[in-house]
Amino acid sequence: MLRETYEHLSPESRRRRFLGAVPHLTDVMLDHLVDDVDGIDHVALVLVCIGDDHVGVPVGVARMIRYRDDPTAADVAVTVVDEWHGRGVATALLAELVRERPQGVIQVVTTVAADNEASLAMLARLGQMDATAAGGGRVDVRIHLATQQHEKD
């Protein structure tokens, strides 16, 4: 289902997600995006539509992957199908992802397309953000998250 959903993204959405032209998800990429999710170092959330004409269809996915060389930092990525842009899906997914982040993660370190103003604004709402031009139309972002974290049962 992830591959099919990805195939329906516009080329622009794909570029913004992977910071380059990725026309199709390979089997290796799918293994990483699905099989590597362990709920400890790799957390993924999927928002599924339960109304309208798209019942059961994923409209967004967000993931946080802890860096092996710095267990206090994690990368984040959010993808929303084009028809659902501007409806708060990415913001809701990212907020929940931060609440459910891996234990000990206190900062997000990621790279964003410099022209992706919506993502940069969304990330800035998470906490103190430092952004540095990385060249090639990219921005390196470091966000210091609030230390309070959702208690997991």
N, C-alpha and C. Protein backbone atom coordinates (compact mmCIF):
# COMPACT_ATOMS: atom_id res chain seq x y z
N MET A 1 0.83 -1.19 0.00
CA MET A 1 0.00 0.00 0.00
C MET A 1 0.87 1.26 0.00
N LEU A 2 2.01 1.20 0.70
CA LEU A 2 2.91 2.35 0.74
C LEU A 2 3.44 2.68 -0.65
N ARG A 3 3.81 1.65 -1.38
CA ARG A 3 4.33 1.87 -2.74
C ARG A 3 3.25 2.52 -3.62
N GLU A 4 2.03 2.01 -3.54
CA GLU A 4 0.93 2.55 -4.35
C GLU A 4 0.64 4.01 -3.99
N THR A 5 0.62 4.31 -2.71
CA THR A 5 0.38 5.68 -2.28
C THR A 5 1.48 6.60 -2.79
N TYR A 6 2.73 6.14 -2.71
CA TYR A 6 3.87 6.94 -3.18
C TYR A 6 3.76 7.22 -4.67
N GLU A 7 3.32 6.22 -5.43
CA GLU A 7 3.21 6.38 -6.89
C GLU A 7 2.22 7.49 -7.26
N HIS A 8 1.27 7.79 -6.37
CA HIS A 8 0.29 8.83 -6.66
C HIS A 8 0.73 10.22 -6.22
N LEU A 9 1.90 10.33 -5.58
CA LEU A 9 2.40 11.65 -5.22
C LEU A 9 2.88 12.38 -6.46
N SER A 10 2.74 13.69 -6.44
CA SER A 10 3.27 14.49 -7.54
C SER A 10 4.80 14.45 -7.52
N PRO A 11 5.43 14.71 -8.66
CA PRO A 11 6.90 14.78 -8.68
C PRO A 11 7.45 15.78 -7.66
N GLU A 12 6.73 16.89 -7.46
CA GLU A 12 7.17 17.90 -6.48
C GLU A 12 7.12 17.35 -5.06
N SER A 13 6.07 16.64 -4.71
CA SER A 13 5.98 16.04 -3.37
C SER A 13 7.07 15.00 -3.16
N ARG A 14 7.37 14.23 -4.18
CA ARG A 14 8.45 13.23 -4.09
C ARG A 14 9.79 13.92 -3.89
N ARG A 15 10.02 14.99 -4.65
CA ARG A 15 11.29 15.72 -4.53
C ARG A 15 11.45 16.30 -3.12
N ARG A 16 10.39 16.86 -2.61
CA ARG A 16 10.47 17.45 -1.27
C ARG A 16 10.67 16.38 -0.20
N ARG A 17 10.10 15.20 -0.39
CA ARG A 17 10.26 14.13 0.60
C ARG A 17 11.68 13.58 0.60
N PHE A 18 12.24 13.32 -0.58
CA PHE A 18 13.55 12.68 -0.67
C PHE A 18 14.66 13.63 -1.13
N LEU A 19 14.34 14.92 -1.27
CA LEU A 19 15.32 15.94 -1.66
C LEU A 19 16.00 15.63 -2.98
N GLY A 20 15.28 14.98 -3.85
CA GLY A 20 15.78 14.65 -5.18
C GLY A 20 14.75 13.85 -5.93
N ALA A 21 15.07 13.51 -7.14
CA ALA A 21 14.15 12.75 -7.98
C ALA A 21 14.19 11.28 -7.57
N VAL A 22 13.09 10.81 -7.01
CA VAL A 22 12.94 9.39 -6.67
C VAL A 22 11.60 8.96 -7.27
N PRO A 23 11.61 8.48 -8.52
CA PRO A 23 10.36 8.17 -9.19
C PRO A 23 9.60 6.99 -8.59
N HIS A 24 10.34 6.03 -8.00
CA HIS A 24 9.69 4.84 -7.44
C HIS A 24 10.41 4.42 -6.17
N LEU A 25 9.67 3.83 -5.24
CA LEU A 25 10.29 3.25 -4.05
C LEU A 25 10.83 1.87 -4.42
N THR A 26 12.10 1.65 -4.15
CA THR A 26 12.70 0.34 -4.42
C THR A 26 12.35 -0.62 -3.29
N ASP A 27 12.61 -1.89 -3.51
CA ASP A 27 12.37 -2.88 -2.46
C ASP A 27 13.22 -2.59 -1.23
N VAL A 28 14.45 -2.16 -1.43
CA VAL A 28 15.33 -1.83 -0.30
C VAL A 28 14.76 -0.65 0.49
N MET A 29 14.27 0.37 -0.22
CA MET A 29 13.67 1.52 0.45
C MET A 29 12.43 1.09 1.23
N LEU A 30 11.60 0.26 0.63
CA LEU A 30 10.40 -0.21 1.32
C LEU A 30 10.76 -1.02 2.56
N ASP A 31 11.77 -1.86 2.47
CA ASP A 31 12.21 -2.61 3.64
C ASP A 31 12.58 -1.66 4.77
N HIS A 32 13.32 -0.61 4.44
CA HIS A 32 13.72 0.36 5.46
C HIS A 32 12.50 1.10 6.02
N LEU A 33 11.60 1.51 5.16
CA LEU A 33 10.45 2.30 5.58
C LEU A 33 9.40 1.49 6.34
N VAL A 34 9.37 0.18 6.12
CA VAL A 34 8.35 -0.65 6.76
C VAL A 34 8.97 -1.61 7.77
N ASP A 35 9.88 -2.44 7.32
CA ASP A 35 10.41 -3.51 8.18
C ASP A 35 11.30 -2.99 9.30
N ASP A 36 11.94 -1.85 9.12
CA ASP A 36 12.83 -1.31 10.15
C ASP A 36 12.10 -0.58 11.27
N VAL A 37 10.80 -0.37 11.13
CA VAL A 37 10.03 0.29 12.18
C VAL A 37 9.96 -0.65 13.38
N ASP A 38 10.53 -0.19 14.51
CA ASP A 38 10.55 -1.04 15.70
C ASP A 38 9.87 -0.40 16.90
N GLY A 39 9.43 0.86 16.77
CA GLY A 39 8.78 1.54 17.88
C GLY A 39 9.75 1.99 18.95
N ILE A 40 11.03 1.73 18.77
CA ILE A 40 12.05 2.12 19.74
C ILE A 40 12.98 3.17 19.13
N ASP A 41 13.65 2.80 18.06
CA ASP A 41 14.55 3.73 17.39
C ASP A 41 13.97 4.26 16.08
N HIS A 42 12.94 3.62 15.60
CA HIS A 42 12.28 4.02 14.35
C HIS A 42 10.77 3.95 14.59
N VAL A 43 10.17 5.12 14.71
CA VAL A 43 8.74 5.24 14.98
C VAL A 43 8.07 5.77 13.72
N ALA A 44 6.97 5.16 13.33
CA ALA A 44 6.22 5.64 12.16
C ALA A 44 4.74 5.69 12.50
N LEU A 45 4.09 6.74 12.04
CA LEU A 45 2.65 6.91 12.22
C LEU A 45 2.02 7.10 10.85
N VAL A 46 0.87 6.50 10.66
CA VAL A 46 0.13 6.62 9.40
C VAL A 46 -1.25 7.16 9.73
N LEU A 47 -1.68 8.17 9.00
CA LEU A 47 -3.03 8.70 9.14
C LEU A 47 -3.86 8.15 7.99
N VAL A 48 -4.95 7.48 8.34
CA VAL A 48 -5.81 6.84 7.35
C VAL A 48 -7.16 7.55 7.35
N CYS A 49 -7.68 7.81 6.17
CA CYS A 49 -8.98 8.44 6.01
C CYS A 49 -10.08 7.44 6.32
N ILE A 50 -11.06 7.83 7.12
CA ILE A 50 -12.18 6.94 7.41
C ILE A 50 -13.50 7.51 6.92
N GLY A 51 -13.44 8.58 6.17
CA GLY A 51 -14.66 9.18 5.65
C GLY A 51 -14.52 9.49 4.17
N ASP A 52 -15.52 10.08 3.61
CA ASP A 52 -15.52 10.48 2.21
C ASP A 52 -15.39 9.26 1.28
N ASP A 53 -14.75 9.47 0.16
CA ASP A 53 -14.62 8.41 -0.85
C ASP A 53 -13.34 7.60 -0.68
N HIS A 54 -12.53 7.93 0.32
CA HIS A 54 -11.21 7.31 0.45
C HIS A 54 -11.10 6.45 1.71
N VAL A 55 -12.11 5.75 2.09
CA VAL A 55 -12.10 4.97 3.33
C VAL A 55 -10.95 3.99 3.33
N GLY A 56 -10.14 4.06 4.39
CA GLY A 56 -9.02 3.15 4.55
C GLY A 56 -7.78 3.50 3.77
N VAL A 57 -7.78 4.62 3.08
CA VAL A 57 -6.64 5.03 2.27
C VAL A 57 -5.71 5.90 3.12
N PRO A 58 -4.40 5.58 3.15
CA PRO A 58 -3.47 6.43 3.89
C PRO A 58 -3.37 7.81 3.23
N VAL A 59 -3.43 8.85 4.06
CA VAL A 59 -3.30 10.21 3.53
C VAL A 59 -2.01 10.86 4.00
N GLY A 60 -1.35 10.27 4.98
CA GLY A 60 -0.10 10.83 5.46
C GLY A 60 0.67 9.83 6.30
N VAL A 61 1.98 9.98 6.29
CA VAL A 61 2.85 9.16 7.13
C VAL A 61 3.95 10.05 7.67
N ALA A 62 4.28 9.84 8.93
CA ALA A 62 5.38 10.56 9.57
C ALA A 62 6.26 9.54 10.26
N ARG A 63 7.55 9.80 10.21
CA ARG A 63 8.47 8.87 10.87
C ARG A 63 9.59 9.63 11.55
N MET A 64 10.11 9.03 12.61
CA MET A 64 11.25 9.57 13.33
C MET A 64 12.23 8.42 13.50
N ILE A 65 13.47 8.66 13.10
CA ILE A 65 14.51 7.63 13.17
C ILE A 65 15.68 8.18 13.97
N ARG A 66 15.97 7.50 15.07
CA ARG A 66 17.08 7.92 15.94
C ARG A 66 18.41 7.72 15.20
N TYR A 67 19.30 8.68 15.36
CA TYR A 67 20.64 8.56 14.80
C TYR A 67 21.46 7.61 15.67
N ARG A 68 22.13 6.66 15.03
CA ARG A 68 22.94 5.69 15.77
C ARG A 68 24.12 6.35 16.47
N ASP A 69 24.71 7.36 15.83
CA ASP A 69 25.89 8.00 16.41
C ASP A 69 25.55 9.06 17.46
N ASP A 70 24.28 9.41 17.60
CA ASP A 70 23.83 10.35 18.63
C ASP A 70 22.42 9.96 19.06
N PRO A 71 22.29 9.15 20.10
CA PRO A 71 20.96 8.66 20.51
C PRO A 71 20.02 9.74 21.04
N THR A 72 20.52 10.98 21.22
CA THR A 72 19.64 12.06 21.65
C THR A 72 19.01 12.80 20.47
N ALA A 73 19.40 12.41 19.25
CA ALA A 73 18.92 13.11 18.05
C ALA A 73 18.23 12.14 17.10
N ALA A 74 17.27 12.67 16.36
CA ALA A 74 16.54 11.84 15.39
C ALA A 74 16.19 12.67 14.17
N ASP A 75 16.10 11.98 13.05
CA ASP A 75 15.63 12.58 11.80
C ASP A 75 14.12 12.43 11.76
N VAL A 76 13.44 13.35 11.12
CA VAL A 76 12.00 13.23 10.91
C VAL A 76 11.69 13.39 9.43
N ALA A 77 10.59 12.79 9.03
CA ALA A 77 10.09 12.95 7.66
C ALA A 77 8.58 12.82 7.71
N VAL A 78 7.92 13.67 6.96
CA VAL A 78 6.46 13.64 6.87
C VAL A 78 6.09 13.70 5.40
N THR A 79 5.18 12.83 5.00
CA THR A 79 4.68 12.83 3.63
C THR A 79 3.16 12.83 3.68
N VAL A 80 2.55 13.71 2.91
CA VAL A 80 1.09 13.80 2.84
C VAL A 80 0.70 13.75 1.37
N VAL A 81 -0.31 12.95 1.05
CA VAL A 81 -0.75 12.88 -0.35
C VAL A 81 -1.24 14.27 -0.78
N ASP A 82 -1.03 14.56 -2.04
CA ASP A 82 -1.25 15.91 -2.55
C ASP A 82 -2.66 16.44 -2.28
N GLU A 83 -3.66 15.60 -2.40
CA GLU A 83 -5.04 16.05 -2.22
C GLU A 83 -5.32 16.51 -0.79
N TRP A 84 -4.46 16.16 0.14
CA TRP A 84 -4.66 16.49 1.55
C TRP A 84 -3.72 17.60 2.03
N HIS A 85 -2.93 18.18 1.14
CA HIS A 85 -2.06 19.29 1.54
C HIS A 85 -2.91 20.45 2.05
N GLY A 86 -2.40 21.15 3.05
CA GLY A 86 -3.07 22.34 3.56
C GLY A 86 -4.22 22.06 4.50
N ARG A 87 -4.40 20.82 4.93
CA ARG A 87 -5.50 20.48 5.83
C ARG A 87 -5.04 20.14 7.25
N GLY A 88 -3.77 20.35 7.53
CA GLY A 88 -3.27 20.11 8.88
C GLY A 88 -2.81 18.69 9.16
N VAL A 89 -2.78 17.85 8.13
CA VAL A 89 -2.38 16.45 8.31
C VAL A 89 -0.93 16.36 8.78
N ALA A 90 -0.03 17.06 8.11
CA ALA A 90 1.39 17.00 8.48
C ALA A 90 1.61 17.54 9.89
N THR A 91 0.96 18.63 10.22
CA THR A 91 1.10 19.23 11.55
C THR A 91 0.63 18.26 12.63
N ALA A 92 -0.52 17.64 12.41
CA ALA A 92 -1.05 16.68 13.39
C ALA A 92 -0.14 15.46 13.53
N LEU A 93 0.31 14.93 12.41
CA LEU A 93 1.21 13.77 12.46
C LEU A 93 2.51 14.10 13.17
N LEU A 94 3.09 15.25 12.86
CA LEU A 94 4.36 15.62 13.47
C LEU A 94 4.21 15.86 14.97
N ALA A 95 3.13 16.50 15.37
CA ALA A 95 2.89 16.73 16.80
C ALA A 95 2.78 15.41 17.55
N GLU A 96 2.05 14.47 17.01
CA GLU A 96 1.90 13.17 17.66
C GLU A 96 3.23 12.41 17.64
N LEU A 97 3.96 12.52 16.56
CA LEU A 97 5.25 11.85 16.46
C LEU A 97 6.21 12.37 17.54
N VAL A 98 6.21 13.66 17.77
CA VAL A 98 7.07 14.23 18.81
C VAL A 98 6.63 13.73 20.18
N ARG A 99 5.33 13.62 20.41
CA ARG A 99 4.84 13.09 21.69
C ARG A 99 5.26 11.63 21.88
N GLU A 100 5.29 10.87 20.81
CA GLU A 100 5.59 9.44 20.87
C GLU A 100 7.04 9.13 20.47
N ARG A 101 7.87 10.13 20.50
CA ARG A 101 9.25 9.97 20.04
C ARG A 101 10.01 8.95 20.88
N PRO A 102 11.08 8.41 20.30
CA PRO A 102 11.90 7.46 21.05
C PRO A 102 12.42 8.07 22.35
N GLN A 103 12.43 7.28 23.38
CA GLN A 103 12.89 7.74 24.68
C GLN A 103 14.32 8.28 24.57
N GLY A 104 14.54 9.45 25.16
CA GLY A 104 15.86 10.06 25.16
C GLY A 104 16.12 11.01 24.02
N VAL A 105 15.26 11.04 23.02
CA VAL A 105 15.44 11.96 21.90
C VAL A 105 15.02 13.36 22.35
N ILE A 106 15.97 14.30 22.27
CA ILE A 106 15.69 15.67 22.70
C ILE A 106 15.89 16.68 21.58
N GLN A 107 16.31 16.19 20.41
CA GLN A 107 16.47 17.11 19.29
C GLN A 107 16.18 16.41 17.97
N VAL A 108 15.69 17.20 17.05
CA VAL A 108 15.46 16.75 15.68
C VAL A 108 16.56 17.36 14.83
N VAL A 109 17.20 16.54 14.03
CA VAL A 109 18.24 16.99 13.11
C VAL A 109 17.86 16.45 11.73
N THR A 110 17.56 17.36 10.82
CA THR A 110 17.07 16.92 9.51
C THR A 110 17.50 17.91 8.43
N THR A 111 17.28 17.55 7.21
CA THR A 111 17.55 18.42 6.07
C THR A 111 16.26 18.60 5.30
N VAL A 112 15.99 19.84 4.91
CA VAL A 112 14.73 20.19 4.25
C VAL A 112 15.06 20.96 2.97
N ALA A 113 14.25 20.79 1.95
CA ALA A 113 14.39 21.60 0.74
C ALA A 113 14.18 23.06 1.12
N ALA A 114 15.09 23.92 0.68
CA ALA A 114 15.03 25.33 1.05
C ALA A 114 13.74 26.00 0.60
N ASP A 115 13.13 25.49 -0.47
CA ASP A 115 11.89 26.09 -0.97
C ASP A 115 10.64 25.50 -0.31
N ASN A 116 10.83 24.61 0.66
CA ASN A 116 9.70 23.98 1.33
C ASN A 116 9.34 24.80 2.58
N GLU A 117 8.77 25.97 2.33
CA GLU A 117 8.45 26.90 3.41
C GLU A 117 7.46 26.32 4.41
N ALA A 118 6.51 25.53 3.95
CA ALA A 118 5.52 24.94 4.85
C ALA A 118 6.19 24.01 5.85
N SER A 119 7.11 23.18 5.38
CA SER A 119 7.82 22.26 6.29
C SER A 119 8.70 23.01 7.26
N LEU A 120 9.40 24.01 6.78
CA LEU A 120 10.26 24.79 7.67
C LEU A 120 9.44 25.49 8.75
N ALA A 121 8.29 26.03 8.39
CA ALA A 121 7.43 26.69 9.38
C ALA A 121 6.89 25.68 10.38
N MET A 122 6.49 24.51 9.89
CA MET A 122 5.97 23.46 10.77
C MET A 122 7.05 23.01 11.76
N LEU A 123 8.25 22.80 11.28
CA LEU A 123 9.35 22.38 12.14
C LEU A 123 9.69 23.46 13.17
N ALA A 124 9.62 24.72 12.78
CA ALA A 124 9.94 25.82 13.70
C ALA A 124 8.99 25.85 14.89
N ARG A 125 7.78 25.36 14.71
CA ARG A 125 6.81 25.35 15.81
C ARG A 125 7.12 24.28 16.86
N LEU A 126 8.06 23.39 16.57
CA LEU A 126 8.39 22.32 17.52
C LEU A 126 9.26 22.81 18.68
N GLY A 127 10.02 23.86 18.46
CA GLY A 127 10.93 24.33 19.50
C GLY A 127 11.99 25.23 18.90
N GLN A 128 13.02 25.52 19.70
CA GLN A 128 14.11 26.38 19.24
C GLN A 128 14.77 25.74 18.03
N MET A 129 14.77 26.46 16.90
CA MET A 129 15.29 25.89 15.66
C MET A 129 16.49 26.69 15.17
N ASP A 130 17.52 25.95 14.79
CA ASP A 130 18.68 26.52 14.12
C ASP A 130 18.68 25.98 12.70
N ALA A 131 18.74 26.87 11.72
CA ALA A 131 18.73 26.46 10.32
C ALA A 131 19.95 27.03 9.62
N THR A 132 20.62 26.18 8.84
CA THR A 132 21.83 26.58 8.14
C THR A 132 21.73 26.15 6.68
N ALA A 133 22.02 27.07 5.78
CA ALA A 133 22.03 26.71 4.35
C ALA A 133 23.06 25.62 4.13
N ALA A 134 22.64 24.55 3.44
CA ALA A 134 23.51 23.40 3.22
C ALA A 134 23.97 23.31 1.77
N GLY A 135 23.52 24.22 0.93
CA GLY A 135 23.86 24.16 -0.48
C GLY A 135 22.93 23.23 -1.23
N GLY A 136 22.92 23.36 -2.52
CA GLY A 136 22.07 22.50 -3.34
C GLY A 136 20.59 22.66 -3.07
N GLY A 137 20.19 23.84 -2.60
CA GLY A 137 18.77 24.07 -2.34
C GLY A 137 18.27 23.38 -1.08
N ARG A 138 19.18 23.13 -0.14
CA ARG A 138 18.82 22.42 1.10
C ARG A 138 19.17 23.25 2.32
N VAL A 139 18.45 22.97 3.39
CA VAL A 139 18.69 23.63 4.67
C VAL A 139 18.84 22.54 5.73
N ASP A 140 19.94 22.61 6.50
CA ASP A 140 20.12 21.72 7.64
C ASP A 140 19.43 22.36 8.83
N VAL A 141 18.61 21.56 9.52
CA VAL A 141 17.79 22.06 10.61
C VAL A 141 18.09 21.26 11.87
N ARG A 142 18.21 21.98 12.99
CA ARG A 142 18.35 21.35 14.30
C ARG A 142 17.32 22.01 15.21
N ILE A 143 16.48 21.19 15.83
CA ILE A 143 15.43 21.69 16.70
C ILE A 143 15.59 21.06 18.06
N HIS A 144 15.64 21.90 19.07
CA HIS A 144 15.72 21.43 20.45
C HIS A 144 14.29 21.28 20.96
N LEU A 145 13.90 20.04 21.24
CA LEU A 145 12.53 19.75 21.66
C LEU A 145 12.36 20.03 23.14
N ALA A 146 11.14 20.32 23.53
CA ALA A 146 10.83 20.45 24.95
C ALA A 146 11.19 19.14 25.63
N THR A 147 11.70 19.22 26.84
CA THR A 147 12.16 18.00 27.52
C THR A 147 11.01 17.13 27.99
N GLN A 148 9.83 17.71 28.18
CA GLN A 148 8.69 16.92 28.61
C GLN A 148 8.23 16.04 27.46
N GLN A 149 8.00 14.78 27.78
CA GLN A 149 7.61 13.80 26.76
C GLN A 149 6.39 13.06 27.25
N HIS A 150 5.55 12.66 26.33
CA HIS A 150 4.36 11.89 26.64
C HIS A 150 4.76 10.60 27.35
N GLU A 151 4.12 10.31 28.46
CA GLU A 151 4.39 9.06 29.18
C GLU A 151 3.74 7.91 28.44
N LYS A 152 4.54 6.91 28.12
CA LYS A 152 4.02 5.74 27.42
C LYS A 152 3.62 4.69 28.43
N ASP A 153 2.49 4.07 28.17
CA ASP A 153 2.00 3.02 29.08
C ASP A 153 2.78 1.74 28.92
